[in-house]
């Protein structure tokens, strides 16, 4: 954890994890491990992270769940938004890139948000979904 990262006393941090410079982990945030929180990123009130990479300046500021996901530079998730990391039919996750379908071989895979990407309020981002800018 960087010396100048801000972590609220009520946050729960379970490693392994990396919290970079100027990152902010707010009240009641829960980081379950296998997390990289980039420089200047914000993990907000009652937000939960699991198996994630948050690039620099990412904002997940209020009541978010981000699991098994990668969020690009300056991406932002609206309040109450979640990444679904398991398909409801329990089949393996397939990533779609235009017409191309990429089989991941994974039962658990959240979302990939591109640089400056994001979600609106209380949006659910489906397993294997890619949001581009």
Protein backbone atom coordinates (compact mmCIF):
# COMPACT_ATOMS: atom_id res chain seq x y z
CA UNK A 1 0.00 0.00 0.00
CA UNK A 2 1.39 3.41 -0.97
CA UNK A 3 2.19 5.68 1.94
CA UNK A 4 -0.01 8.49 0.61
CA UNK A 5 -3.05 6.30 -0.14
CA UNK A 6 -6.04 7.17 2.02
CA UNK A 7 -7.85 4.28 3.69
CA UNK A 8 -10.88 4.84 5.92
CA UNK A 9 -10.62 3.13 9.32
CA UNK A 10 -13.89 1.30 8.56
CA UNK A 11 -12.59 -0.22 5.30
CA UNK A 12 -11.79 -3.95 5.24
CA UNK A 13 -8.72 -4.91 3.22
CA UNK A 14 -7.92 -8.59 2.71
CA UNK A 15 -4.87 -9.26 0.56
CA UNK A 16 -3.16 -9.92 -1.56
CA UNK A 17 -3.63 -6.41 -2.91
CA UNK A 18 -1.81 -3.39 -4.25
CA UNK A 19 -3.07 0.10 -3.53
CA UNK A 20 -1.15 2.72 -5.50
CA UNK A 21 -0.34 6.33 -4.71
CA UNK A 22 -3.14 8.79 -4.06
CA UNK A 23 -5.78 6.06 -4.15
CA UNK A 24 -8.71 6.47 -1.78
CA UNK A 25 -10.51 3.59 -0.07
CA UNK A 26 -13.62 5.02 1.57
CA UNK A 27 -15.96 4.13 4.45
CA UNK A 28 -17.03 0.48 4.62
CA UNK A 29 -15.30 -0.52 1.39
CA UNK A 30 -14.53 -4.26 1.25
CA UNK A 31 -11.54 -5.47 -0.77
CA UNK A 32 -11.59 -9.28 -0.70
CA UNK A 33 -8.20 -9.84 -2.25
CA UNK A 34 -6.43 -10.23 -5.56
CA UNK A 35 -6.94 -6.54 -6.23
CA UNK A 36 -4.84 -3.86 -7.86
CA UNK A 37 -6.12 -0.33 -7.22
CA UNK A 38 -4.35 2.16 -9.48
CA UNK A 39 -2.96 5.60 -8.78
CA UNK A 40 -5.65 8.09 -7.83
CA UNK A 41 -8.44 5.52 -7.99
CA UNK A 42 -11.48 5.82 -5.70
CA UNK A 43 -13.11 2.80 -4.06
CA UNK A 44 -16.17 4.24 -2.41
CA UNK A 45 -18.65 3.79 0.36
CA UNK A 46 -19.81 0.17 0.70
CA UNK A 47 -18.09 -0.89 -2.52
CA UNK A 48 -16.82 -4.47 -2.78
CA UNK A 49 -13.88 -5.60 -4.94
CA UNK A 50 -12.78 -9.17 -5.73
CA UNK A 51 -10.18 -10.30 -8.28
CA UNK A 52 -9.93 -6.92 -9.99
CA UNK A 53 -7.58 -4.57 -11.76
CA UNK A 54 -8.54 -0.90 -11.48
CA UNK A 55 -6.32 1.24 -13.67
CA UNK A 56 -5.32 4.75 -12.64
CA UNK A 57 -8.08 7.27 -11.82
CA UNK A 58 -10.90 4.69 -11.86
CA UNK A 59 -13.95 5.63 -9.80
CA UNK A 60 -16.24 3.07 -8.18
CA UNK A 61 -17.57 5.55 -5.62
CA UNK A 62 -20.86 4.28 -4.14
CA UNK A 63 -22.39 0.88 -3.41
CA UNK A 64 -20.70 -1.00 -6.25
CA UNK A 65 -19.75 -4.65 -6.66
CA UNK A 66 -16.81 -5.28 -8.98
CA UNK A 67 -15.76 -8.91 -9.28
CA UNK A 68 -13.38 -10.66 -11.66
CA UNK A 69 -13.14 -7.50 -13.76
CA UNK A 70 -10.76 -5.01 -15.35
CA UNK A 71 -11.64 -1.31 -15.36
CA UNK A 72 -9.63 0.95 -17.68
CA UNK A 73 -8.07 4.36 -17.11
CA UNK A 74 -10.54 6.95 -15.77
CA UNK A 75 -13.51 4.61 -16.10
CA UNK A 76 -16.43 5.25 -13.76
CA UNK A 77 -19.27 3.12 -12.43
CA UNK A 78 -22.46 4.87 -11.38
CA UNK A 79 -23.88 4.42 -7.89
CA UNK A 80 -25.22 0.93 -7.23
CA UNK A 81 -23.77 -0.57 -10.43
CA UNK A 82 -22.41 -4.11 -10.39
CA UNK A 83 -20.41 -6.41 -12.59
CA UNK A 84 -22.05 -9.80 -12.88
CA UNK A 85 -19.27 -12.38 -12.73
CA UNK A 86 -21.29 -15.59 -13.13
CA UNK A 87 -23.83 -16.28 -15.87
CA UNK A 88 -27.31 -17.17 -14.64
CA UNK A 89 -27.26 -20.44 -16.62
CA UNK A 90 -23.80 -21.30 -15.15
CA UNK A 91 -22.27 -21.85 -18.61
CA UNK A 92 -18.76 -20.69 -19.51
CA UNK A 93 -18.34 -17.00 -20.28
CA UNK A 94 -17.95 -15.99 -23.93
CA UNK A 95 -16.56 -12.54 -24.80
CA UNK A 96 -17.98 -10.95 -27.92
CA UNK A 97 -15.82 -8.62 -30.01
CA UNK A 98 -18.06 -7.44 -32.81
CA UNK A 99 -18.96 -10.62 -34.67
CA UNK A 100 -16.09 -12.58 -33.11
CA UNK A 101 -16.82 -14.79 -30.10
CA UNK A 102 -13.95 -15.63 -27.77
CA UNK A 103 -14.42 -18.62 -25.48
CA UNK A 104 -12.75 -17.89 -22.15
CA UNK A 105 -13.05 -21.31 -20.53
CA UNK A 106 -14.06 -19.46 -17.35
CA UNK A 107 -17.18 -19.83 -15.22
CA UNK A 108 -16.35 -16.55 -13.48
CA UNK A 109 -15.51 -13.44 -15.44
CA UNK A 110 -16.87 -9.98 -14.83
CA UNK A 111 -16.63 -7.02 -17.16
CA UNK A 112 -13.94 -5.12 -19.02
CA UNK A 113 -14.43 -1.37 -19.17
CA UNK A 114 -12.25 0.52 -21.61
CA UNK A 115 -10.43 3.74 -20.82
CA UNK A 116 -12.93 6.50 -19.96
CA UNK A 117 -15.73 3.89 -20.07
CA UNK A 118 -18.42 3.45 -17.49
CA UNK A 119 -21.92 2.68 -16.42
CA UNK A 120 -24.99 4.60 -15.36
CA UNK A 121 -26.77 4.42 -12.04
CA UNK A 122 -27.69 0.95 -10.79
CA UNK A 123 -26.61 -0.75 -13.99
CA UNK A 124 -25.72 -4.44 -14.13
CA UNK A 125 -22.88 -5.23 -16.50
CA UNK A 126 -23.16 -8.83 -17.70
CA UNK A 127 -20.39 -11.44 -17.48
CA UNK A 128 -17.78 -11.06 -20.20
CA UNK A 129 -19.16 -7.73 -21.37
CA UNK A 130 -16.78 -5.18 -22.87
CA UNK A 131 -17.61 -1.48 -22.63
CA UNK A 132 -15.55 0.69 -24.93
CA UNK A 133 -15.25 4.44 -25.22
